[in-house]
Amino acid sequence: MSERSTPGKSSNLMPGSPGVNEASPPEDFLIDGLSPRKMAKVREVLCSLDIKVYSRRKNRVGMLGVWVQVISEVIKDFLRLEKPDVVMIQETKKEKCDRRLVGSVWTVRNKDWVILPACGASGGILFIWDSKKLSKEEVVLGSFSISVKFALEGCGPLWISAVYGPNSPSLRKDFWVELYDIYGLTFPLWCVGGDFNVIRRSSEKLGGSRLTSSMRDFDSFISESELLDPPLRNASFTWSNMQESPVCKRLDRFLYSNEWGQLFPQGIQETLIRRTSDHWPIALDTNPFTWGPTPFRFENMWLQHPSFKENFRNWWRGFQGNGWEGHKFMRRLQFVKAKAKEWNKLSFGVLNEKKKMDRDKAPGPDGFTIAVFQDCWDVIKEDLVRVFAEFHRSGVINQSTNASFIVLLPKKSTTKKISDFRPISLITSLYKIIAKVLSGRLRGTIRGGVVFKIDFEKAYDHVRWDYLDQVLEKKGFSPKWRKWMNGCLSSVSYAVLVNGSAKGWVKASRGLRQGDPLSPFLFTLVADVLSRMLLRAEERNMLEVQGG
């Protein structure tokens, strides 16, 4: 499949409906004896069958391109071997699709699909999934993408997007706008894959490339959306023009959110054997999809088991990974979590009644209590120190480290309305340790405290981060301290625990969390400024008391 321009359509995302694509010829394909008009018709017919196939079996998402002469056998054999749950076909060049066409590509009995129709003789995406394994909740169509939201038991919604990026620089701005919109819609569990039709770095083109505005835009999208770009195994490029002196680029890839990476910590991206397309197939191995009914919770009773600490040491050291230290630490916890679950089944069997925990010590999204860090300190300490060193240097905390569960606690014995509940944030153990260290330092810098107290309604929720930063600057906090505080605040995300299951994720844009060790000290700094302003106004007789 060659690179082609994708005609522009509206960049607005819209709800999709089930429903697929016809073609543009290879310019260098000629047959002697045919008139230009007949040759154009031959090209049109041949290229109408140049398609891409994306597939994901239990543990993989992949892409494959083939020509018509072998399409049925190659695709069917590929899907029969891979046993996918999802198939994403790119550049279909078809405006509609029926069950017969879908069945000719994938023979699985229970399936559902949605299409992004082609625009003229270009573009088009077909997205198919095994409806027995995945339950569709929502479909969103863009000009260059299909995004499907799947419901998964005991977990928040999972989004998978298939994209086919435009080759025309004039359309790429619309492409990035669309991807940013999808990111905002799909947070936090999102995987997006396909032919982006642009490279990210100069090393992704054979012989190198100058830095272009499209490359900068692509890199900015990945960085600002905090997506992970896993390394590609087995090859450096995914497309070639197949000439004697070839042009090779990495145009195809999978990107995913931190939360996706936390769910699938062993995920790898690799190229497969190229068939007849000018694109190499790529596969994202998720190893495989496993979903628990409720978030993991570490049981402190495990620490009393004579073999637990030794097992914990082996699990901790058994994880291999790279990247940011904070992200590696959270992935290591995810790895240990899976091992601990299996060990628990073997050592204790399935617990019918879990030991009750004090709510103040309840674990956050990572599922681990502070007791694990205390009792297994000799195993964890070196990695934890590296996390602190990285945070000290960069001021960055990844979203999985700073994710929170919101639990509603009743304020009184009889609860009839939402105001009768008090929301509490359950934060990860790693962030709790970082925040405890920082709050300990803050405690020594705050002298005197607030002059008088005012009863603020939802006080923590109304603190603006930019104002807090100004307060820190005026009070003499160094740029590094302000960077640390911004890192702790800007990476916050929430999910609400409903009957023990996490529902929905939102990214914070202001406010301080109840349950965050830093919040009381930061709020004191903000309230102190207001208190002093009120005292000054009172001294100048600028305050009036109005009777009710």
Protein backbone atom coordinates (compact mmCIF):
# COMPACT_ATOMS: atom_id res chain seq x y z
CA MET A 1 0.00 0.00 0.00
CA SER A 2 1.52 3.28 -1.09
CA GLU A 3 1.26 6.68 0.54
CA ARG A 4 -1.71 8.66 -0.70
CA SER A 5 -3.39 11.94 0.08
CA THR A 6 -6.63 11.66 2.03
CA PRO A 7 -9.25 14.17 0.87
CA GLY A 8 -10.29 16.49 3.66
CA LYS A 9 -13.64 16.18 5.33
CA SER A 10 -15.05 17.95 8.37
CA SER A 11 -12.62 17.70 11.27
CA ASN A 12 -15.51 17.37 13.73
CA LEU A 13 -15.87 14.03 15.48
CA MET A 14 -19.33 12.50 15.24
CA PRO A 15 -21.12 9.40 16.49
CA GLY A 16 -20.59 6.47 14.14
CA SER A 17 -22.91 3.84 12.79
CA PRO A 18 -22.21 0.37 11.40
CA GLY A 19 -22.00 0.24 7.92
CA VAL A 20 -17.11 0.65 3.90
CA ASN A 21 -14.76 1.69 0.55
CA GLU A 22 -12.41 2.23 -4.21
CA ALA A 23 -8.99 3.43 -5.62
CA SER A 24 -6.04 5.30 -7.06
CA PRO A 25 -3.47 3.56 -9.25
CA PRO A 26 0.25 2.93 -8.90
CA GLU A 27 1.70 5.54 -11.26
CA ASP A 28 4.61 3.37 -12.46
CA PHE A 29 2.43 0.39 -13.57
CA LEU A 30 2.18 0.16 -17.41
CA ILE A 31 1.07 -2.51 -19.93
CA ASP A 32 2.30 -2.31 -23.53
CA GLY A 33 -0.42 -2.05 -26.17
CA LEU A 34 -3.07 -0.45 -23.94
CA SER A 35 -4.30 3.06 -24.61
CA PRO A 36 -3.88 5.65 -21.79
CA ARG A 37 -7.64 5.52 -21.15
CA LYS A 38 -7.69 1.69 -20.77
CA MET A 39 -4.49 1.81 -18.74
CA ALA A 40 -6.13 4.25 -16.33
CA LYS A 41 -9.04 1.83 -15.92
CA VAL A 42 -6.66 -1.07 -15.19
CA ARG A 43 -4.86 1.01 -12.56
CA GLU A 44 -8.16 1.94 -10.96
CA VAL A 45 -9.29 -1.68 -10.71
CA LEU A 46 -5.96 -2.91 -9.32
CA CYS A 47 -5.64 -0.17 -6.73
CA SER A 48 -9.22 -0.55 -5.57
CA LEU A 49 -7.99 -3.78 -3.99
CA ASP A 50 -4.95 -2.35 -2.22
CA ILE A 51 -5.96 -2.46 1.44
CA LYS A 52 -4.55 -2.66 4.94
CA VAL A 53 -5.69 -5.03 7.65
CA TYR A 54 -5.32 -4.40 11.36
CA SER A 55 -5.83 -7.26 13.72
CA ARG A 56 -5.55 -8.01 17.41
CA ARG A 57 -5.83 -11.49 18.78
CA LYS A 58 -6.17 -12.19 22.48
CA ASN A 59 -2.80 -10.60 22.98
CA ARG A 60 -2.04 -8.64 19.87
CA VAL A 61 -3.06 -5.78 17.66
CA GLY A 62 -1.48 -5.83 14.21
CA MET A 63 -1.53 -4.45 10.65
CA LEU A 64 -1.20 -6.19 7.27
CA GLY A 65 -1.40 -4.98 3.68
CA VAL A 66 -2.06 -7.25 0.67
CA TRP A 67 -2.88 -7.18 -3.05
CA VAL A 68 -6.07 -8.64 -4.50
CA GLN A 69 -4.56 -11.76 -6.08
CA VAL A 70 -3.93 -13.27 -2.66
CA ILE A 71 -6.20 -11.18 -0.44
CA SER A 72 -8.71 -13.88 0.52
CA GLU A 73 -6.17 -16.58 1.34
CA VAL A 74 -3.58 -14.31 2.95
CA ILE A 75 -5.98 -12.41 5.19
CA LYS A 76 -8.07 -15.42 6.15
CA ASP A 77 -4.96 -17.46 6.94
CA PHE A 78 -3.50 -14.57 8.92
CA LEU A 79 -6.63 -14.05 11.00
CA ARG A 80 -7.15 -17.79 11.46
CA LEU A 81 -3.62 -18.02 12.85
CA GLU A 82 -3.76 -14.90 15.02
CA LYS A 83 -7.32 -15.40 16.36
CA PRO A 84 -7.95 -11.65 16.73
CA ASP A 85 -10.59 -9.89 18.76
CA VAL A 86 -10.37 -6.76 16.62
CA VAL A 87 -9.59 -6.25 12.93
CA MET A 88 -8.98 -2.76 11.52
CA ILE A 89 -8.81 -2.49 7.73
CA GLN A 90 -7.32 0.69 6.37
CA GLU A 91 -7.64 2.53 3.06
CA THR A 92 -10.52 0.35 1.92
CA LYS A 93 -11.59 2.79 -0.84
CA LYS A 94 -15.20 1.67 -0.33
CA GLU A 95 -18.23 3.74 0.57
CA LYS A 96 -20.33 0.85 1.93
CA CYS A 97 -19.85 -2.56 3.41
CA ASP A 98 -22.21 -5.49 3.91
CA ARG A 99 -21.99 -8.73 5.87
CA ARG A 100 -20.75 -10.62 2.81
CA LEU A 101 -17.76 -8.33 2.38
CA VAL A 102 -16.92 -8.46 6.09
CA GLY A 103 -17.32 -12.25 6.07
CA SER A 104 -14.90 -12.54 3.13
CA VAL A 105 -12.25 -10.88 5.27
CA TRP A 106 -12.95 -12.47 8.63
CA THR A 107 -14.88 -15.71 9.15
CA VAL A 108 -15.52 -15.46 12.88
CA ARG A 109 -19.21 -16.05 13.58
CA ASN A 110 -19.98 -13.31 16.14
CA LYS A 111 -18.84 -9.98 14.83
CA ASP A 112 -19.88 -6.37 14.60
CA TRP A 113 -18.35 -3.57 12.56
CA VAL A 114 -18.33 0.12 11.73
CA ILE A 115 -16.96 1.96 8.71
CA LEU A 116 -15.45 5.30 7.80
CA PRO A 117 -16.52 5.62 4.15
CA ALA A 118 -13.98 6.48 1.48
CA CYS A 119 -14.03 9.93 -0.04
CA GLY A 120 -14.05 9.33 -3.77
CA ALA A 121 -11.26 6.92 -4.70
CA SER A 122 -9.24 7.39 -1.53
CA GLY A 123 -9.26 6.54 2.17
CA GLY A 124 -11.77 4.58 4.19
CA ILE A 125 -11.43 2.41 7.32
CA LEU A 126 -13.28 -0.76 8.34
CA PHE A 127 -13.25 -1.66 12.05
CA ILE A 128 -14.47 -5.17 13.00
CA TRP A 129 -14.51 -6.87 16.38
CA ASP A 130 -15.57 -10.15 17.97
CA SER A 131 -18.88 -9.16 19.59
CA LYS A 132 -18.84 -12.24 21.81
CA LYS A 133 -15.69 -11.02 23.54
CA LEU A 134 -16.03 -7.23 23.36
CA SER A 135 -19.15 -5.19 24.02
CA LYS A 136 -19.40 -1.92 22.09
CA GLU A 137 -20.64 1.11 24.01
CA GLU A 138 -19.91 3.96 21.63
CA VAL A 139 -18.44 4.69 18.20
CA VAL A 140 -16.94 8.01 17.09
CA LEU A 141 -16.08 8.77 13.47
CA GLY A 142 -13.63 11.45 12.44
CA SER A 143 -12.27 12.50 9.09
CA PHE A 144 -9.22 10.28 9.54
CA SER A 145 -10.20 7.81 12.26
CA ILE A 146 -12.62 5.39 13.85
CA SER A 147 -12.70 5.15 17.65
CA VAL A 148 -14.64 2.45 19.48
CA LYS A 149 -15.37 2.39 23.21
CA PHE A 150 -15.64 -1.10 24.70
CA ALA A 151 -17.22 -1.95 28.05
CA LEU A 152 -15.14 -4.25 30.22
CA GLU A 153 -16.33 -5.80 33.46
CA GLY A 154 -14.68 -4.41 36.60
CA CYS A 155 -12.75 -1.76 34.70
CA GLY A 156 -13.25 1.64 33.17
CA PRO A 157 -14.12 1.92 29.48
CA LEU A 158 -11.42 1.00 26.98
CA TRP A 159 -11.00 2.91 23.71
CA ILE A 160 -9.25 1.66 20.57
CA SER A 161 -8.75 3.96 17.58
CA ALA A 162 -7.70 3.17 14.01
CA VAL A 163 -6.21 6.06 12.05
CA TYR A 164 -5.13 6.73 8.49
CA GLY A 165 -3.24 10.01 8.42
CA PRO A 166 -3.28 12.32 5.40
CA ASN A 167 -0.19 12.51 3.21
CA SER A 168 -0.99 16.09 2.33
CA PRO A 169 0.73 18.64 4.65
CA SER A 170 -2.26 20.99 4.25
CA LEU A 171 -4.55 18.41 5.88
CA ARG A 172 -2.27 17.41 8.76
CA LYS A 173 -3.36 20.29 11.00
CA ASP A 174 -6.92 18.94 10.82
CA PHE A 175 -5.51 15.48 11.60
CA TRP A 176 -3.80 16.70 14.80
CA VAL A 177 -6.92 18.62 15.89
CA GLU A 178 -8.94 15.42 15.47
CA LEU A 179 -6.45 13.34 17.47
CA TYR A 180 -6.43 15.89 20.31
CA ASP A 181 -10.23 15.72 20.38
CA ILE A 182 -10.10 11.91 20.55
CA TYR A 183 -7.54 12.09 23.38
CA GLY A 184 -9.88 14.29 25.40
CA LEU A 185 -12.77 11.91 24.75
CA THR A 186 -10.98 8.62 25.46
CA PHE A 187 -8.92 9.44 28.59
CA PRO A 188 -7.53 7.46 30.34
CA LEU A 189 -7.55 4.00 28.66
CA TRP A 190 -6.69 4.56 25.00
CA CYS A 191 -4.69 2.81 22.31
CA VAL A 192 -4.39 4.36 18.84
CA GLY A 193 -2.74 2.62 15.92
CA GLY A 194 -2.36 2.88 12.19
CA ASP A 195 -0.57 4.64 9.37
CA PHE A 196 0.08 8.16 10.61
CA ASN A 197 1.78 8.97 7.29
CA VAL A 198 4.46 10.98 9.08
CA ILE A 199 7.65 10.14 10.95
CA ARG A 200 8.38 11.41 14.46
CA ARG A 201 12.20 11.62 14.37
CA SER A 202 14.84 11.99 11.66
CA SER A 203 16.14 8.49 12.53
CA GLU A 204 12.81 7.04 11.36
CA LYS A 205 13.78 7.61 7.72
CA LEU A 206 16.58 5.66 6.03
CA GLY A 207 19.50 8.04 5.69
CA GLY A 208 17.92 10.57 8.04
CA SER A 209 15.64 13.51 7.46
CA ARG A 210 15.57 17.21 8.19
CA LEU A 211 13.22 18.27 11.00
CA THR A 212 9.89 19.28 9.47
CA SER A 213 6.90 21.05 10.98
CA SER A 214 4.86 17.82 10.60
CA MET A 215 7.46 15.93 12.65
CA ARG A 216 7.36 18.63 15.34
CA ASP A 217 3.55 18.53 15.41
CA PHE A 218 3.56 14.72 15.72
CA ASP A 219 6.09 14.80 18.55
CA SER A 220 4.14 17.56 20.32
CA PHE A 221 0.91 15.56 20.10
CA ILE A 222 2.55 12.49 21.66
CA SER A 223 4.23 14.54 24.43
CA GLU A 224 1.26 16.76 25.29
CA SER A 225 -1.13 13.78 25.33
CA GLU A 226 1.37 11.89 27.54
CA LEU A 227 1.20 8.86 25.25
CA LEU A 228 3.74 6.07 25.35
CA ASP A 229 5.54 5.31 22.08
CA PRO A 230 6.88 1.78 22.60
CA PRO A 231 10.02 0.78 20.68
CA LEU A 232 9.55 -1.25 17.52
CA ARG A 233 11.13 -4.69 17.55
CA ASN A 234 12.59 -6.58 14.57
CA ALA A 235 12.82 -3.57 12.22
CA SER A 236 13.47 0.17 12.13
CA PHE A 237 10.98 1.01 9.37
CA THR A 238 7.46 -0.04 8.40
CA TRP A 239 7.20 1.25 4.81
CA SER A 240 9.36 1.17 1.69
CA ASN A 241 8.78 2.41 -1.86
CA MET A 242 10.34 -0.91 -2.99
CA GLN A 243 12.79 0.73 -5.39
CA GLU A 244 16.40 -0.28 -6.11
CA SER A 245 17.53 2.62 -3.92
CA PRO A 246 14.63 2.45 -1.50
CA VAL A 247 13.07 5.15 0.61
CA CYS A 248 12.21 3.58 3.97
CA LYS A 249 10.24 5.21 6.80
CA ARG A 250 8.47 4.32 10.02
CA LEU A 251 4.96 5.50 9.20
CA ASP A 252 3.02 2.92 11.21
CA ARG A 253 2.93 2.59 14.98
CA PHE A 254 0.83 2.08 18.08
CA LEU A 255 0.62 4.68 20.83
CA TYR A 256 -1.15 4.26 24.15
CA SER A 257 -1.83 6.05 27.43
CA ASN A 258 0.05 5.52 30.69
CA GLU A 259 -3.02 3.80 32.08
CA TRP A 260 -3.08 1.36 29.15
CA GLY A 261 0.61 0.65 29.81
CA GLN A 262 -0.15 0.09 33.48
CA LEU A 263 -2.82 -2.48 32.59
CA PHE A 264 -0.53 -4.24 30.12
CA PRO A 265 3.00 -3.71 31.49
CA GLN A 266 4.56 -6.41 29.32
CA GLY A 267 3.21 -4.99 26.04
CA ILE A 268 5.61 -4.96 23.08
CA GLN A 269 5.36 -3.66 19.52
CA GLU A 270 6.98 -5.62 16.70
CA THR A 271 6.99 -6.02 12.94
CA LEU A 272 5.79 -9.24 11.34
CA ILE A 273 6.79 -10.80 8.02
CA ARG A 274 5.94 -8.54 5.07
CA ARG A 275 3.62 -10.20 2.58
CA THR A 276 2.88 -8.34 -0.67
CA SER A 277 2.33 -4.80 0.59
CA ASP A 278 4.87 -1.99 0.75
CA HIS A 279 4.05 -1.76 4.47
CA TRP A 280 5.37 -4.22 7.01
CA PRO A 281 2.70 -5.57 9.36
CA ILE A 282 3.11 -4.47 12.98
CA ALA A 283 1.70 -6.12 16.10
CA LEU A 284 1.13 -4.80 19.60
CA ASP A 285 1.38 -7.70 22.02
CA THR A 286 -0.64 -6.92 25.15
CA ASN A 287 0.12 -10.26 26.78
CA PRO A 288 -2.95 -10.71 26.92
CA PHE A 289 -6.09 -8.77 27.95
CA THR A 290 -6.98 -9.67 31.52
CA TRP A 291 -9.67 -7.81 33.45
CA GLY A 292 -10.45 -8.18 37.13
CA PRO A 293 -13.90 -7.53 38.56
CA THR A 294 -12.60 -4.99 41.14
CA PRO A 295 -9.36 -3.08 41.74
CA PHE A 296 -6.53 -5.01 43.38
CA ARG A 297 -6.03 -4.55 47.13
CA PHE A 298 -2.97 -5.77 48.95
CA GLU A 299 -3.76 -7.86 52.04
CA ASN A 300 -1.52 -7.02 55.02
CA MET A 301 -1.99 -10.56 56.28
CA TRP A 302 0.23 -11.72 53.40
CA LEU A 303 3.18 -10.09 55.18
CA GLN A 304 2.87 -12.66 57.96
CA HIS A 305 3.42 -15.56 55.55
CA PRO A 306 6.97 -16.96 55.99
CA SER A 307 7.73 -17.07 52.24
CA PHE A 308 6.14 -13.77 51.19
CA LYS A 309 9.14 -11.45 51.49
CA GLU A 310 11.41 -13.81 49.57
CA ASN A 311 8.77 -14.19 46.87
CA PHE A 312 8.30 -10.42 46.78
CA ARG A 313 12.05 -9.95 46.33
CA ASN A 314 12.09 -12.35 43.37
CA TRP A 315 9.03 -10.77 41.75
CA TRP A 316 10.44 -7.27 42.18
CA ARG A 317 13.77 -8.17 40.62
CA GLY A 318 12.13 -10.24 37.88
CA PHE A 319 10.62 -7.24 36.12
CA GLN A 320 12.52 -5.80 33.15
CA GLY A 321 11.62 -2.40 31.70
CA ASN A 322 12.92 0.99 30.63
CA GLY A 323 11.75 4.58 30.45
CA TRP A 324 10.98 7.18 33.13
CA GLU A 325 11.79 5.93 36.63
CA GLY A 326 8.31 6.80 37.94
CA HIS A 327 6.64 4.95 35.08
CA LYS A 328 8.95 1.95 35.51
CA PHE A 329 8.16 1.86 39.23
CA MET A 330 4.40 1.75 38.57
CA ARG A 331 4.84 -0.94 35.90
CA ARG A 332 6.94 -2.94 38.35
CA LEU A 333 4.10 -2.72 40.92
CA GLN A 334 1.70 -3.90 38.22
CA PHE A 335 3.98 -6.87 37.51
CA VAL A 336 4.23 -7.72 41.22
CA LYS A 337 0.45 -7.35 41.56
CA ALA A 338 -0.15 -10.11 39.01
CA LYS A 339 2.37 -12.39 40.76
CA ALA A 340 0.85 -11.69 44.20
CA LYS A 341 -2.65 -12.58 42.96
CA GLU A 342 -1.46 -15.94 41.70
CA TRP A 343 0.58 -16.58 44.86
CA ASN A 344 -2.47 -15.76 47.00
CA LYS A 345 -4.56 -18.37 45.19
CA LEU A 346 -1.90 -21.01 45.75
CA SER A 347 -1.11 -20.08 49.37
CA PHE A 348 -4.52 -19.12 50.78
CA GLY A 349 -7.10 -19.99 48.18
CA VAL A 350 -9.75 -17.45 47.22
CA LEU A 351 -10.62 -15.34 50.26
CA ASN A 352 -14.34 -15.32 51.01
CA GLU A 353 -14.00 -12.47 53.46
CA LYS A 354 -11.34 -9.85 53.10
CA LYS A 355 -9.79 -8.36 56.18
CA LYS A 356 -11.35 -4.96 56.91
CA MET A 357 -8.98 -2.03 56.54
CA ASP A 358 -9.12 1.38 58.11
CA ARG A 359 -10.42 3.78 55.45
CA ASP A 360 -7.62 6.23 56.14
CA LYS A 361 -5.17 3.53 55.10
CA ALA A 362 -7.12 2.22 52.14
CA PRO A 363 -5.00 1.73 48.99
CA GLY A 364 -5.41 3.81 45.85
CA PRO A 365 -5.45 2.66 42.20
CA ASP A 366 -2.13 0.81 42.60
CA GLY A 367 -3.79 -1.45 45.21
CA PHE A 368 -0.75 -1.54 47.54
CA THR A 369 -0.79 -0.43 51.17
CA ILE A 370 2.04 1.48 52.81
CA ALA A 371 2.69 -1.65 54.89
CA VAL A 372 4.20 -3.32 51.82
CA PHE A 373 6.73 -0.52 51.42
CA GLN A 374 7.61 -0.65 55.12
CA ASP A 375 8.05 -4.43 55.41
CA CYS A 376 9.71 -4.86 52.01
CA TRP A 377 11.85 -1.72 52.18
CA ASP A 378 15.10 -3.58 51.61
CA VAL A 379 13.71 -4.82 48.28
CA ILE A 380 12.11 -1.57 47.09
CA LYS A 381 14.43 1.15 48.42
CA GLU A 382 16.90 1.40 45.52
CA ASP A 383 14.16 1.77 42.91
CA LEU A 384 12.28 4.24 45.10
CA VAL A 385 15.39 6.38 45.56
CA ARG A 386 15.79 6.49 41.76
CA VAL A 387 12.17 7.67 41.44
CA PHE A 388 12.89 10.50 43.91
CA ALA A 389 16.09 11.43 42.08
CA GLU A 390 14.22 11.62 38.78
CA PHE A 391 11.41 13.68 40.28
CA HIS A 392 13.93 16.00 41.96
CA ARG A 393 15.57 16.57 38.59
CA SER A 394 12.54 16.83 36.29
CA GLY A 395 9.56 17.70 38.50
CA VAL A 396 7.45 15.27 36.42
CA ILE A 397 5.03 12.71 37.87
CA ASN A 398 3.36 10.39 35.37
CA GLN A 399 -0.42 10.06 35.44
CA SER A 400 -0.50 6.45 36.63
CA THR A 401 1.50 7.46 39.73
CA ASN A 402 -0.90 10.30 40.50
CA ALA A 403 -4.22 8.59 39.73
CA SER A 404 -6.86 8.68 42.47
CA PHE A 405 -10.01 6.86 43.48
CA ILE A 406 -12.80 9.02 44.93
CA VAL A 407 -14.80 7.42 47.74
CA LEU A 408 -17.90 9.03 49.23
CA LEU A 409 -18.01 8.78 53.02
CA PRO A 410 -21.28 9.55 54.85
CA LYS A 411 -21.15 12.61 57.12
CA LYS A 412 -24.00 11.35 59.30
CA SER A 413 -25.91 8.16 60.02
CA THR A 414 -28.84 9.05 57.75
CA THR A 415 -27.88 10.03 54.20
CA LYS A 416 -30.53 11.31 51.79
CA LYS A 417 -28.69 13.59 49.37
CA ILE A 418 -25.25 13.96 47.81
CA SER A 419 -24.29 16.77 50.22
CA ASP A 420 -24.58 14.23 53.05
CA PHE A 421 -21.39 12.60 51.77
CA ARG A 422 -17.78 13.72 52.00
CA PRO A 423 -15.50 12.83 49.05
CA ILE A 424 -12.09 11.39 49.94
CA SER A 425 -9.27 10.71 47.48
CA LEU A 426 -7.42 7.40 47.69
CA ILE A 427 -3.99 7.95 46.18
CA THR A 428 -1.23 5.56 45.16
CA SER A 429 1.38 4.58 47.72
CA LEU A 430 4.21 5.94 45.58
CA TYR A 431 2.64 9.40 45.32
CA LYS A 432 1.74 9.31 49.01
CA ILE A 433 5.42 8.83 49.89
CA ILE A 434 6.52 11.65 47.54
CA ALA A 435 3.86 14.00 48.92
CA LYS A 436 4.73 13.11 52.54
CA VAL A 437 8.37 14.06 51.96
CA LEU A 438 7.40 17.36 50.31
CA SER A 439 4.81 18.22 52.97
CA GLY A 440 7.42 17.57 55.66
CA ARG A 441 9.64 20.17 54.01
CA LEU A 442 6.70 22.58 53.67
CA ARG A 443 5.83 22.20 57.36
CA GLY A 444 9.12 23.81 58.29
CA THR A 445 8.63 26.79 55.96
CA ILE A 446 5.11 27.83 57.05
CA ARG A 447 5.29 30.02 60.15
CA GLY A 448 2.42 31.49 62.09
CA GLY A 449 -0.36 30.06 59.93
CA VAL A 450 -3.60 31.76 58.98
CA VAL A 451 -4.64 34.70 61.12
CA PHE A 452 -8.29 33.65 61.24
CA LYS A 453 -10.34 30.88 59.72
CA ILE A 454 -13.23 31.26 57.30
CA ASP A 455 -15.69 28.46 56.53
CA PHE A 456 -15.14 27.92 52.79
CA GLU A 457 -17.67 25.81 50.90
CA LYS A 458 -15.77 23.27 48.76
CA ALA A 459 -12.66 25.30 49.55
CA TYR A 460 -10.11 22.84 48.17
CA ASP A 461 -12.01 22.54 44.88
CA HIS A 462 -11.75 26.26 44.07
CA VAL A 463 -8.00 26.72 44.35
CA ARG A 464 -6.62 27.83 40.98
CA TRP A 465 -3.21 26.39 40.20
CA ASP A 466 -1.91 29.50 38.45
CA TYR A 467 -2.84 31.60 41.49
CA LEU A 468 -1.16 29.11 43.83
CA ASP A 469 1.98 29.33 41.70
CA GLN A 470 1.93 33.13 42.02
CA VAL A 471 1.56 32.82 45.79
CA LEU A 472 4.54 30.45 45.96
CA GLU A 473 6.61 32.84 43.85
CA LYS A 474 5.71 35.87 45.99
CA LYS A 475 6.51 33.95 49.17
CA GLY A 476 10.01 33.21 47.86
CA PHE A 477 9.73 29.58 46.79
CA SER A 478 12.39 28.65 44.25
CA PRO A 479 11.54 27.77 40.61
CA LYS A 480 12.41 24.13 41.39
CA TRP A 481 9.92 23.99 44.29
CA ARG A 482 7.24 25.56 42.11
CA LYS A 483 7.99 22.99 39.39
CA TRP A 484 7.60 20.18 41.92
CA MET A 485 4.25 21.55 43.09
CA ASN A 486 3.05 21.94 39.50
CA GLY A 487 4.08 18.35 38.78
CA CYS A 488 2.09 17.10 41.75
CA LEU A 489 -1.02 19.06 40.76
CA SER A 490 -1.12 18.87 36.95
CA SER A 491 -0.82 15.07 36.76
CA VAL A 492 -3.89 14.33 38.93
CA SER A 493 -6.70 12.18 37.53
CA TYR A 494 -9.78 10.72 39.23
CA ALA A 495 -12.11 7.73 39.01
CA VAL A 496 -15.10 7.20 41.30
CA LEU A 497 -15.39 3.90 43.18
CA VAL A 498 -18.97 2.65 42.81
CA ASN A 499 -19.67 -0.56 44.73
CA GLY A 500 -15.96 -1.29 44.67
CA SER A 501 -15.46 -0.77 40.92
CA ALA A 502 -13.76 2.23 39.29
CA LYS A 503 -16.13 4.15 37.04
CA GLY A 504 -15.05 6.89 34.65
CA TRP A 505 -11.80 8.86 34.61
CA VAL A 506 -11.40 12.64 34.55
CA LYS A 507 -8.28 14.77 34.50
CA ALA A 508 -8.11 17.55 37.08
CA SER A 509 -7.70 21.18 35.96
CA ARG A 510 -7.85 22.98 39.32
CA GLY A 511 -8.33 22.34 43.03
CA LEU A 512 -6.59 20.36 45.77
CA ARG A 513 -7.42 16.77 46.72
CA GLN A 514 -8.84 15.72 50.05
CA GLY A 515 -6.44 13.01 51.25
CA ASP A 516 -3.33 14.44 49.57
CA PRO A 517 -0.68 15.16 52.26
CA LEU A 518 0.27 18.38 50.41
CA SER A 519 -3.24 19.85 50.27
CA PRO A 520 -3.55 21.29 53.83
CA PHE A 521 -0.22 23.12 53.51
CA LEU A 522 -0.88 24.48 50.02
CA PHE A 523 -4.35 25.62 51.03
CA THR A 524 -2.91 27.31 54.13
CA LEU A 525 -0.60 29.36 51.87
CA VAL A 526 -3.51 30.46 49.68
CA ALA A 527 -5.86 31.20 52.58
CA ASP A 528 -3.11 33.14 54.37
CA VAL A 529 -2.99 35.61 51.46
CA LEU A 530 -6.76 36.11 51.60
CA SER A 531 -6.62 36.49 55.37
CA ARG A 532 -3.99 39.24 55.13
CA MET A 533 -5.96 41.01 52.39
CA LEU A 534 -9.06 41.03 54.61
CA LEU A 535 -7.10 42.35 57.60
CA ARG A 536 -5.62 45.13 55.48
CA ALA A 537 -9.07 46.02 54.16
CA GLU A 538 -10.40 46.11 57.72
CA GLU A 539 -7.57 48.40 58.82
CA ARG A 540 -8.50 50.81 56.02
CA ASN A 541 -12.21 50.66 56.92
CA MET A 542 -13.02 49.10 53.56
CA LEU A 543 -15.19 46.32 55.00
CA GLU A 544 -18.88 46.62 55.77
CA VAL A 545 -21.03 44.24 57.77
CA GLN A 546 -24.49 43.97 56.23
CA GLY A 547 -27.40 42.81 58.35
CA GLY A 548 -29.48 39.89 57.21
